[in-house]
């Protein structure tokens, strides 16, 4: 995923899903997306970004209580787990870089998606709903299963993302840069 940068430049580069590369040091902690040389806008997520970027706090708390992780390094459900689900579903659309040995960047893990931050937000919500549907399907309560399925039929992911982003004012906070 990473390769040497320009001679004399110690910054590592990350190969993006579009085929372009970006220097890790060009992606700062506040960045949520950037305009790539390919002409597209790519979502940027770092391990230090909280999962509440995508989901309400109560849901993150619920996921932390119910989802068992298998990692001693990350024993609590967090952003890397969310992006792991996205990566599993869209392996060709997400670049991942372990930059834990790069002291200049301020984060250890980086994900850059082939789509913009709003679409990534929708994808995360859709995949969490799938996770919840799977969990509910194992319940012994048919009424609860039917109620959940009915609620999900009425749930509009796009509207939820619009409302959540407006409430969190994510578009105003998104650092939008050309790299």
N, C-alpha and C. Protein backbone atom coordinates (compact mmCIF):
# COMPACT_ATOMS: atom_id res chain seq x y z
N UNK A 1 0.82 -1.18 0.00
CA UNK A 1 0.00 0.00 0.00
C UNK A 1 0.87 1.25 0.00
N UNK A 2 1.95 1.23 0.73
CA UNK A 2 2.79 2.42 0.77
C UNK A 2 4.05 2.17 -0.05
N UNK A 3 4.62 3.27 -0.52
CA UNK A 3 5.85 3.18 -1.28
C UNK A 3 6.65 4.45 -1.07
N UNK A 4 7.91 4.44 -1.44
CA UNK A 4 8.73 5.62 -1.19
C UNK A 4 8.20 6.84 -1.92
N UNK A 5 8.41 8.01 -1.32
CA UNK A 5 7.97 9.27 -1.94
C UNK A 5 9.03 9.83 -2.87
N UNK A 6 8.96 11.11 -3.08
CA UNK A 6 9.91 11.82 -3.94
C UNK A 6 11.29 11.75 -3.30
N UNK A 7 12.36 11.58 -4.11
CA UNK A 7 13.70 11.54 -3.52
C UNK A 7 13.93 12.73 -2.59
N UNK A 8 14.42 12.43 -1.42
CA UNK A 8 14.65 13.47 -0.43
C UNK A 8 13.42 13.75 0.42
N UNK A 9 12.29 13.16 0.07
CA UNK A 9 11.05 13.32 0.81
C UNK A 9 10.78 12.01 1.54
N UNK A 10 10.77 12.07 2.87
CA UNK A 10 10.59 10.86 3.67
C UNK A 10 9.12 10.46 3.83
N UNK A 11 8.20 11.29 3.33
CA UNK A 11 6.78 10.99 3.49
C UNK A 11 6.40 9.75 2.69
N UNK A 12 5.63 8.89 3.34
CA UNK A 12 5.14 7.70 2.65
C UNK A 12 3.92 8.08 1.83
N UNK A 13 3.72 7.36 0.77
CA UNK A 13 2.55 7.59 -0.06
C UNK A 13 1.59 6.42 0.07
N UNK A 14 0.34 6.70 -0.22
CA UNK A 14 -0.71 5.72 -0.14
C UNK A 14 -1.33 5.60 -1.53
N UNK A 15 -1.42 4.37 -2.02
CA UNK A 15 -2.07 4.12 -3.30
C UNK A 15 -3.58 4.18 -3.09
N UNK A 16 -4.25 5.00 -3.86
CA UNK A 16 -5.69 5.19 -3.72
C UNK A 16 -6.47 4.25 -4.64
N UNK A 17 -7.74 4.03 -4.34
CA UNK A 17 -8.55 3.14 -5.19
C UNK A 17 -8.62 3.59 -6.64
N UNK A 18 -8.46 4.89 -6.89
CA UNK A 18 -8.56 5.42 -8.25
C UNK A 18 -7.27 5.25 -9.04
N UNK A 19 -6.19 4.82 -8.38
CA UNK A 19 -4.91 4.65 -9.05
C UNK A 19 -3.92 5.76 -8.75
N UNK A 20 -4.38 6.86 -8.21
CA UNK A 20 -3.49 7.95 -7.82
C UNK A 20 -2.82 7.60 -6.49
N UNK A 21 -1.87 8.41 -6.10
CA UNK A 21 -1.24 8.27 -4.78
C UNK A 21 -1.33 9.60 -4.06
N UNK A 22 -1.24 9.53 -2.75
CA UNK A 22 -1.26 10.73 -1.92
C UNK A 22 -0.22 10.54 -0.81
N UNK A 23 0.45 11.63 -0.48
CA UNK A 23 1.41 11.59 0.63
C UNK A 23 0.65 11.56 1.95
N UNK A 24 1.04 10.69 2.83
CA UNK A 24 0.37 10.57 4.12
C UNK A 24 0.39 11.89 4.88
N UNK A 25 1.46 12.64 4.77
CA UNK A 25 1.57 13.92 5.48
C UNK A 25 0.65 14.99 4.91
N UNK A 26 0.06 14.76 3.73
CA UNK A 26 -0.89 15.72 3.16
C UNK A 26 -2.30 15.53 3.71
N UNK A 27 -2.51 14.48 4.47
CA UNK A 27 -3.82 14.19 5.05
C UNK A 27 -3.78 14.48 6.54
N UNK A 28 -4.39 15.59 6.93
CA UNK A 28 -4.32 15.96 8.34
C UNK A 28 -5.52 15.46 9.13
N UNK A 29 -5.43 15.56 10.44
CA UNK A 29 -6.44 14.99 11.33
C UNK A 29 -7.84 15.53 11.12
N UNK A 30 -7.98 16.77 10.70
CA UNK A 30 -9.30 17.35 10.51
C UNK A 30 -9.92 17.03 9.17
N UNK A 31 -9.18 16.40 8.29
CA UNK A 31 -9.65 16.15 6.94
C UNK A 31 -10.68 15.02 6.93
N UNK A 32 -11.78 15.24 6.22
CA UNK A 32 -12.81 14.23 6.07
C UNK A 32 -12.92 13.78 4.61
N UNK A 33 -12.45 14.60 3.68
CA UNK A 33 -12.42 14.24 2.27
C UNK A 33 -11.48 15.20 1.55
N UNK A 34 -11.09 14.82 0.34
CA UNK A 34 -10.25 15.70 -0.44
C UNK A 34 -10.51 15.49 -1.92
N UNK A 35 -10.23 16.53 -2.68
CA UNK A 35 -10.35 16.45 -4.13
C UNK A 35 -9.04 15.89 -4.66
N UNK A 36 -9.16 14.77 -5.34
CA UNK A 36 -7.99 14.04 -5.83
C UNK A 36 -7.60 14.54 -7.22
N UNK A 37 -6.38 14.27 -7.59
CA UNK A 37 -5.89 14.60 -8.93
C UNK A 37 -6.69 13.87 -10.00
N UNK A 38 -7.36 12.78 -9.65
CA UNK A 38 -8.19 12.03 -10.60
C UNK A 38 -9.48 12.76 -10.94
N UNK A 39 -9.80 13.78 -10.16
CA UNK A 39 -11.03 14.54 -10.39
C UNK A 39 -12.16 14.18 -9.45
N UNK A 40 -12.03 13.08 -8.72
CA UNK A 40 -13.06 12.67 -7.77
C UNK A 40 -12.75 13.20 -6.37
N UNK A 41 -13.76 13.16 -5.53
CA UNK A 41 -13.61 13.50 -4.13
C UNK A 41 -13.59 12.19 -3.35
N UNK A 42 -12.59 12.01 -2.51
CA UNK A 42 -12.43 10.78 -1.73
C UNK A 42 -12.64 11.06 -0.24
N UNK A 43 -13.38 10.17 0.41
CA UNK A 43 -13.56 10.24 1.86
C UNK A 43 -12.26 9.83 2.54
N UNK A 44 -11.97 10.46 3.65
CA UNK A 44 -10.78 10.16 4.45
C UNK A 44 -11.24 9.86 5.87
N UNK A 45 -10.79 8.73 6.41
CA UNK A 45 -11.10 8.37 7.79
C UNK A 45 -9.80 7.93 8.44
N UNK A 46 -9.61 8.36 9.68
CA UNK A 46 -8.44 7.97 10.46
C UNK A 46 -8.91 7.30 11.74
N UNK A 47 -8.06 6.46 12.29
CA UNK A 47 -8.44 5.73 13.50
C UNK A 47 -8.79 6.65 14.66
N UNK A 48 -8.32 7.88 14.65
CA UNK A 48 -8.62 8.82 15.73
C UNK A 48 -9.98 9.48 15.57
N UNK A 49 -10.63 9.30 14.40
CA UNK A 49 -11.98 9.84 14.22
C UNK A 49 -12.95 8.96 14.99
N UNK A 50 -13.83 9.56 15.78
CA UNK A 50 -14.77 8.74 16.57
C UNK A 50 -15.86 8.12 15.69
N UNK A 51 -16.38 6.97 16.08
CA UNK A 51 -17.47 6.36 15.32
C UNK A 51 -18.72 7.23 15.30
N UNK A 52 -18.82 8.16 16.25
CA UNK A 52 -19.95 9.09 16.28
C UNK A 52 -19.94 10.02 15.07
N UNK A 53 -18.88 10.00 14.31
CA UNK A 53 -18.87 10.72 13.04
C UNK A 53 -19.98 10.18 12.13
N UNK A 54 -20.26 8.89 12.26
CA UNK A 54 -21.24 8.23 11.40
C UNK A 54 -22.54 7.86 12.10
N UNK A 55 -22.48 7.59 13.40
CA UNK A 55 -23.62 7.03 14.12
C UNK A 55 -23.86 7.80 15.42
N UNK A 56 -25.12 7.89 15.85
CA UNK A 56 -25.42 8.55 17.13
C UNK A 56 -24.73 7.84 18.30
N UNK A 57 -24.44 8.60 19.32
CA UNK A 57 -23.71 8.08 20.48
C UNK A 57 -24.41 6.88 21.11
N UNK A 58 -25.75 6.92 21.22
CA UNK A 58 -26.46 5.80 21.83
C UNK A 58 -26.24 4.51 21.04
N UNK A 59 -26.17 4.61 19.72
CA UNK A 59 -25.96 3.43 18.89
C UNK A 59 -24.52 2.92 19.02
N UNK A 60 -23.58 3.83 19.08
CA UNK A 60 -22.18 3.44 19.29
C UNK A 60 -22.06 2.73 20.63
N UNK A 61 -22.70 3.27 21.67
CA UNK A 61 -22.68 2.63 22.98
C UNK A 61 -23.28 1.21 22.91
N UNK A 62 -24.38 1.08 22.19
CA UNK A 62 -25.02 -0.22 22.04
C UNK A 62 -24.11 -1.19 21.30
N UNK A 63 -23.47 -0.73 20.25
CA UNK A 63 -22.55 -1.59 19.51
C UNK A 63 -21.37 -2.01 20.39
N UNK A 64 -20.89 -1.10 21.20
CA UNK A 64 -19.77 -1.43 22.11
C UNK A 64 -20.18 -2.47 23.14
N UNK A 65 -21.44 -2.42 23.57
CA UNK A 65 -21.93 -3.38 24.55
C UNK A 65 -22.18 -4.75 23.95
N UNK A 66 -22.56 -4.80 22.68
CA UNK A 66 -23.01 -6.06 22.10
C UNK A 66 -22.05 -6.72 21.13
N UNK A 67 -21.20 -5.95 20.48
CA UNK A 67 -20.29 -6.52 19.49
C UNK A 67 -19.00 -6.94 20.17
N UNK A 68 -18.70 -8.21 20.05
CA UNK A 68 -17.45 -8.72 20.61
C UNK A 68 -16.36 -8.58 19.56
N UNK A 69 -15.25 -8.01 19.98
CA UNK A 69 -14.11 -7.88 19.06
C UNK A 69 -13.10 -8.96 19.40
N UNK A 70 -12.31 -9.31 18.43
CA UNK A 70 -11.33 -10.37 18.64
C UNK A 70 -9.91 -9.82 18.79
N UNK A 71 -9.81 -8.53 18.89
CA UNK A 71 -8.49 -7.92 18.94
C UNK A 71 -8.14 -7.43 20.34
N UNK A 72 -6.98 -7.84 20.82
CA UNK A 72 -6.52 -7.33 22.10
C UNK A 72 -6.08 -5.88 21.98
N UNK A 73 -5.61 -5.49 20.77
CA UNK A 73 -5.18 -4.12 20.54
C UNK A 73 -6.35 -3.15 20.52
N UNK A 74 -7.51 -3.62 20.05
CA UNK A 74 -8.72 -2.80 19.98
C UNK A 74 -9.88 -3.59 20.58
N UNK A 75 -9.92 -3.71 21.90
CA UNK A 75 -10.93 -4.54 22.53
C UNK A 75 -12.34 -3.96 22.48
N UNK A 76 -12.46 -2.66 22.19
CA UNK A 76 -13.76 -2.00 22.16
C UNK A 76 -14.12 -1.64 20.72
N UNK A 77 -15.38 -1.88 20.36
CA UNK A 77 -15.86 -1.55 19.02
C UNK A 77 -15.60 -0.06 18.77
N UNK A 78 -14.97 0.24 17.64
CA UNK A 78 -14.58 1.61 17.35
C UNK A 78 -14.51 1.83 15.84
N UNK A 79 -14.01 2.95 15.44
CA UNK A 79 -13.91 3.32 14.02
C UNK A 79 -13.20 2.26 13.19
N UNK A 80 -12.09 1.69 13.63
CA UNK A 80 -11.46 0.64 12.80
C UNK A 80 -12.39 -0.54 12.50
N UNK A 81 -13.27 -0.86 13.43
CA UNK A 81 -14.21 -1.95 13.19
C UNK A 81 -15.25 -1.55 12.14
N UNK A 82 -15.74 -0.32 12.23
CA UNK A 82 -16.69 0.17 11.23
C UNK A 82 -16.07 0.14 9.83
N UNK A 83 -14.84 0.64 9.74
CA UNK A 83 -14.18 0.69 8.42
C UNK A 83 -13.77 -0.69 7.96
N UNK A 84 -13.55 -1.60 8.89
CA UNK A 84 -13.28 -2.98 8.52
C UNK A 84 -14.48 -3.61 7.83
N UNK A 85 -15.68 -3.28 8.30
CA UNK A 85 -16.90 -3.78 7.68
C UNK A 85 -17.03 -3.19 6.27
N UNK A 86 -16.74 -1.89 6.13
CA UNK A 86 -16.79 -1.25 4.82
C UNK A 86 -15.76 -1.89 3.89
N UNK A 87 -14.57 -2.09 4.38
CA UNK A 87 -13.50 -2.70 3.58
C UNK A 87 -13.88 -4.11 3.13
N UNK A 88 -14.51 -4.86 4.02
CA UNK A 88 -14.94 -6.21 3.67
C UNK A 88 -15.96 -6.20 2.54
N UNK A 89 -16.86 -5.23 2.56
CA UNK A 89 -17.91 -5.13 1.55
C UNK A 89 -17.42 -4.50 0.25
N UNK A 90 -16.48 -3.56 0.36
CA UNK A 90 -15.99 -2.82 -0.81
C UNK A 90 -14.46 -2.85 -0.87
N UNK A 91 -13.86 -4.02 -1.01
CA UNK A 91 -12.39 -4.09 -0.94
C UNK A 91 -11.67 -3.29 -2.03
N UNK A 92 -12.28 -3.14 -3.18
CA UNK A 92 -11.63 -2.39 -4.27
C UNK A 92 -11.85 -0.89 -4.15
N UNK A 93 -12.72 -0.49 -3.23
CA UNK A 93 -13.06 0.93 -3.10
C UNK A 93 -12.44 1.60 -1.87
N UNK A 94 -11.65 0.86 -1.11
CA UNK A 94 -11.08 1.43 0.11
C UNK A 94 -9.59 1.09 0.17
N UNK A 95 -8.79 2.13 0.28
CA UNK A 95 -7.35 1.96 0.50
C UNK A 95 -7.10 2.07 2.00
N UNK A 96 -6.24 1.22 2.52
CA UNK A 96 -5.91 1.22 3.94
C UNK A 96 -4.41 1.33 4.09
N UNK A 97 -3.99 2.13 5.05
CA UNK A 97 -2.56 2.24 5.32
C UNK A 97 -2.32 2.22 6.83
N UNK A 98 -1.37 1.41 7.23
CA UNK A 98 -0.92 1.39 8.63
C UNK A 98 0.26 2.36 8.70
N UNK A 99 0.03 3.48 9.34
CA UNK A 99 1.06 4.52 9.43
C UNK A 99 1.52 4.70 10.87
N UNK A 100 1.40 3.63 11.64
CA UNK A 100 1.75 3.71 13.06
C UNK A 100 3.21 4.07 13.29
N UNK A 101 4.05 3.85 12.29
CA UNK A 101 5.46 4.21 12.45
C UNK A 101 5.79 5.58 11.85
N UNK A 102 4.76 6.30 11.41
CA UNK A 102 4.94 7.65 10.88
C UNK A 102 4.61 8.65 11.98
N UNK A 103 5.59 9.18 12.63
CA UNK A 103 5.37 10.12 13.72
C UNK A 103 4.85 11.47 13.30
N UNK A 104 4.92 11.79 12.02
CA UNK A 104 4.52 13.11 11.55
C UNK A 104 3.03 13.25 11.25
N UNK A 105 2.26 12.16 11.28
CA UNK A 105 0.88 12.26 10.82
C UNK A 105 -0.15 12.39 11.95
N UNK A 106 0.10 11.85 13.13
CA UNK A 106 -0.84 11.98 14.24
C UNK A 106 -1.91 10.92 14.30
N UNK A 107 -1.83 9.92 13.46
CA UNK A 107 -2.78 8.82 13.47
C UNK A 107 -2.03 7.55 13.09
N UNK A 108 -2.65 6.41 13.34
CA UNK A 108 -1.98 5.14 13.04
C UNK A 108 -2.58 4.45 11.82
N UNK A 109 -3.90 4.51 11.68
CA UNK A 109 -4.57 3.85 10.57
C UNK A 109 -5.30 4.87 9.71
N UNK A 110 -5.24 4.65 8.41
CA UNK A 110 -5.87 5.56 7.45
C UNK A 110 -6.68 4.75 6.46
N UNK A 111 -7.88 5.24 6.16
CA UNK A 111 -8.71 4.66 5.10
C UNK A 111 -9.07 5.79 4.15
N UNK A 112 -8.93 5.55 2.86
CA UNK A 112 -9.37 6.50 1.84
C UNK A 112 -10.30 5.73 0.92
N UNK A 113 -11.52 6.25 0.78
CA UNK A 113 -12.54 5.56 -0.02
C UNK A 113 -12.59 6.11 -1.44
N UNK A 114 -13.05 5.29 -2.33
CA UNK A 114 -13.23 5.70 -3.72
C UNK A 114 -14.43 6.61 -3.89
N UNK A 115 -15.23 6.80 -2.83
CA UNK A 115 -16.38 7.69 -2.90
C UNK A 115 -16.24 8.80 -1.86
N UNK A 116 -17.10 9.81 -1.94
CA UNK A 116 -16.98 10.96 -1.05
C UNK A 116 -17.47 10.64 0.36
N UNK A 117 -17.30 11.59 1.27
CA UNK A 117 -17.60 11.33 2.68
C UNK A 117 -19.09 11.11 2.93
N UNK A 118 -19.95 11.77 2.17
CA UNK A 118 -21.38 11.55 2.35
C UNK A 118 -21.77 10.13 1.95
N UNK A 119 -21.27 9.67 0.81
CA UNK A 119 -21.58 8.29 0.37
C UNK A 119 -20.99 7.28 1.36
N UNK A 120 -19.79 7.54 1.86
CA UNK A 120 -19.22 6.65 2.87
C UNK A 120 -20.12 6.60 4.10
N UNK A 121 -20.64 7.73 4.50
CA UNK A 121 -21.55 7.79 5.65
C UNK A 121 -22.76 6.89 5.40
N UNK A 122 -23.35 6.97 4.21
CA UNK A 122 -24.47 6.11 3.87
C UNK A 122 -24.08 4.64 3.92
N UNK A 123 -22.93 4.32 3.38
CA UNK A 123 -22.46 2.93 3.36
C UNK A 123 -22.32 2.40 4.79
N UNK A 124 -21.72 3.20 5.68
CA UNK A 124 -21.55 2.77 7.07
C UNK A 124 -22.90 2.49 7.70
N UNK A 125 -23.86 3.39 7.51
CA UNK A 125 -25.19 3.21 8.10
C UNK A 125 -25.86 1.96 7.52
N UNK A 126 -25.79 1.79 6.21
CA UNK A 126 -26.39 0.60 5.58
C UNK A 126 -25.79 -0.68 6.14
N UNK A 127 -24.47 -0.71 6.32
CA UNK A 127 -23.82 -1.92 6.80
C UNK A 127 -24.11 -2.18 8.27
N UNK A 128 -24.25 -1.13 9.07
CA UNK A 128 -24.62 -1.32 10.48
C UNK A 128 -26.04 -1.86 10.56
N UNK A 129 -26.92 -1.38 9.71
CA UNK A 129 -28.29 -1.91 9.69
C UNK A 129 -28.26 -3.39 9.33
N UNK A 130 -27.46 -3.77 8.35
CA UNK A 130 -27.33 -5.19 8.00
C UNK A 130 -26.84 -6.00 9.18
N UNK A 131 -25.88 -5.46 9.91
CA UNK A 131 -25.35 -6.13 11.10
C UNK A 131 -26.47 -6.31 12.13
N UNK A 132 -27.25 -5.27 12.33
CA UNK A 132 -28.36 -5.32 13.29
C UNK A 132 -29.42 -6.31 12.83
N UNK A 133 -29.74 -6.32 11.54
CA UNK A 133 -30.72 -7.28 11.02
C UNK A 133 -30.26 -8.71 11.25
N UNK A 134 -28.98 -8.95 11.04
CA UNK A 134 -28.44 -10.29 11.27
C UNK A 134 -28.58 -10.67 12.74
N UNK A 135 -28.24 -9.75 13.62
CA UNK A 135 -28.34 -10.03 15.06
C UNK A 135 -29.79 -10.29 15.47
N UNK A 136 -30.70 -9.47 14.98
CA UNK A 136 -32.11 -9.62 15.34
C UNK A 136 -32.67 -10.93 14.79
N UNK A 137 -32.17 -11.36 13.64
CA UNK A 137 -32.68 -12.60 13.05
C UNK A 137 -32.41 -13.82 13.92
N UNK A 138 -31.49 -13.70 14.85
CA UNK A 138 -31.16 -14.81 15.75
C UNK A 138 -31.97 -14.76 17.04
N UNK A 139 -32.84 -13.76 17.16
CA UNK A 139 -33.66 -13.65 18.37
C UNK A 139 -34.73 -14.74 18.36
N UNK A 140 -35.18 -15.10 19.54
CA UNK A 140 -36.23 -16.11 19.66
C UNK A 140 -37.62 -15.48 19.63
N UNK A 141 -37.68 -14.17 19.47
CA UNK A 141 -38.94 -13.44 19.53
C UNK A 141 -39.37 -13.02 18.13
N UNK A 142 -40.31 -13.77 17.55
CA UNK A 142 -40.77 -13.48 16.19
C UNK A 142 -41.39 -12.09 16.07
N UNK A 143 -42.10 -11.66 17.11
CA UNK A 143 -42.72 -10.33 17.09
C UNK A 143 -41.65 -9.24 17.02
N UNK A 144 -40.58 -9.42 17.77
CA UNK A 144 -39.48 -8.44 17.75
C UNK A 144 -38.81 -8.41 16.38
N UNK A 145 -38.64 -9.58 15.79
CA UNK A 145 -38.04 -9.67 14.46
C UNK A 145 -38.91 -8.94 13.45
N UNK A 146 -40.21 -9.19 13.48
CA UNK A 146 -41.13 -8.55 12.54
C UNK A 146 -41.17 -7.04 12.75
N UNK A 147 -41.17 -6.61 14.01
CA UNK A 147 -41.20 -5.18 14.31
C UNK A 147 -39.93 -4.50 13.78
N UNK A 148 -38.79 -5.12 14.00
CA UNK A 148 -37.53 -4.56 13.51
C UNK A 148 -37.54 -4.48 11.98
N UNK A 149 -37.97 -5.55 11.34
CA UNK A 149 -38.02 -5.57 9.87
C UNK A 149 -38.94 -4.48 9.34
N UNK A 150 -40.07 -4.27 10.01
CA UNK A 150 -41.00 -3.21 9.59
C UNK A 150 -40.36 -1.84 9.76
N UNK A 151 -39.70 -1.62 10.88
CA UNK A 151 -39.03 -0.34 11.11
C UNK A 151 -37.94 -0.09 10.06
N UNK A 152 -37.23 -1.12 9.68
CA UNK A 152 -36.17 -0.96 8.69
C UNK A 152 -36.74 -0.68 7.29
N UNK A 153 -37.92 -1.21 7.00
CA UNK A 153 -38.57 -0.91 5.72
C UNK A 153 -38.93 0.57 5.63
N UNK A 154 -39.24 1.17 6.78
CA UNK A 154 -39.63 2.58 6.83
C UNK A 154 -38.42 3.50 6.99
N UNK A 155 -37.27 2.96 7.30
CA UNK A 155 -36.08 3.76 7.56
C UNK A 155 -35.44 4.21 6.24
N UNK A 156 -35.22 5.50 6.13
CA UNK A 156 -34.63 6.09 4.93
C UNK A 156 -33.18 6.47 5.26
N UNK A 157 -32.24 5.68 4.77
CA UNK A 157 -30.82 5.90 5.07
C UNK A 157 -30.37 7.29 4.63
N UNK A 158 -30.75 7.67 3.43
CA UNK A 158 -30.33 8.96 2.89
C UNK A 158 -30.86 10.11 3.74
N UNK A 159 -32.12 10.03 4.14
CA UNK A 159 -32.70 11.08 4.99
C UNK A 159 -32.01 11.10 6.35
N UNK A 160 -31.74 9.92 6.91
CA UNK A 160 -31.04 9.85 8.20
C UNK A 160 -29.68 10.53 8.09
N UNK A 161 -28.92 10.20 7.04
CA UNK A 161 -27.58 10.78 6.86
C UNK A 161 -27.68 12.30 6.71
N UNK A 162 -28.64 12.77 5.94
CA UNK A 162 -28.83 14.23 5.79
C UNK A 162 -29.10 14.87 7.14
N UNK A 163 -30.03 14.29 7.89
CA UNK A 163 -30.38 14.86 9.20
C UNK A 163 -29.21 14.77 10.17
N UNK A 164 -28.55 13.64 10.21
CA UNK A 164 -27.43 13.48 11.15
C UNK A 164 -26.30 14.45 10.82
N UNK A 165 -25.98 14.59 9.55
CA UNK A 165 -24.92 15.51 9.15
C UNK A 165 -25.30 16.96 9.45
N UNK A 166 -26.57 17.29 9.28
CA UNK A 166 -27.03 18.64 9.59
C UNK A 166 -26.94 18.91 11.09
N UNK A 167 -27.39 17.94 11.89
CA UNK A 167 -27.33 18.09 13.35
C UNK A 167 -25.90 18.18 13.85
N UNK A 168 -25.03 17.39 13.27
CA UNK A 168 -23.62 17.39 13.68
C UNK A 168 -22.84 18.46 12.94
N UNK A 169 -23.48 19.08 11.96
CA UNK A 169 -22.84 20.11 11.14
C UNK A 169 -21.56 19.58 10.51
N UNK A 170 -21.62 18.34 10.03
CA UNK A 170 -20.42 17.70 9.48
C UNK A 170 -19.95 18.34 8.19
N UNK A 171 -20.87 18.81 7.37
CA UNK A 171 -20.43 19.43 6.12
C UNK A 171 -19.62 20.68 6.39
N UNK A 172 -20.02 21.45 7.40
CA UNK A 172 -19.26 22.65 7.72
C UNK A 172 -17.91 22.31 8.33
N UNK A 173 -17.85 21.17 9.05
CA UNK A 173 -16.60 20.77 9.68
C UNK A 173 -15.67 20.03 8.75
N UNK A 174 -16.23 19.47 7.67
CA UNK A 174 -15.38 18.72 6.75
C UNK A 174 -14.29 19.62 6.18
N UNK A 175 -13.09 19.17 6.31
CA UNK A 175 -12.00 19.88 5.68
C UNK A 175 -11.93 19.32 4.26
N UNK A 176 -12.09 20.19 3.32
CA UNK A 176 -12.14 19.79 1.92
C UNK A 176 -10.92 20.40 1.26
N UNK A 177 -10.01 19.57 0.86
CA UNK A 177 -8.74 20.04 0.35
C UNK A 177 -8.44 19.43 -1.01
N UNK A 178 -7.62 20.11 -1.74
CA UNK A 178 -7.03 19.50 -2.93
C UNK A 178 -5.66 19.02 -2.55
N UNK A 179 -5.40 17.79 -2.83
CA UNK A 179 -4.09 17.22 -2.48
C UNK A 179 -3.37 16.89 -3.76
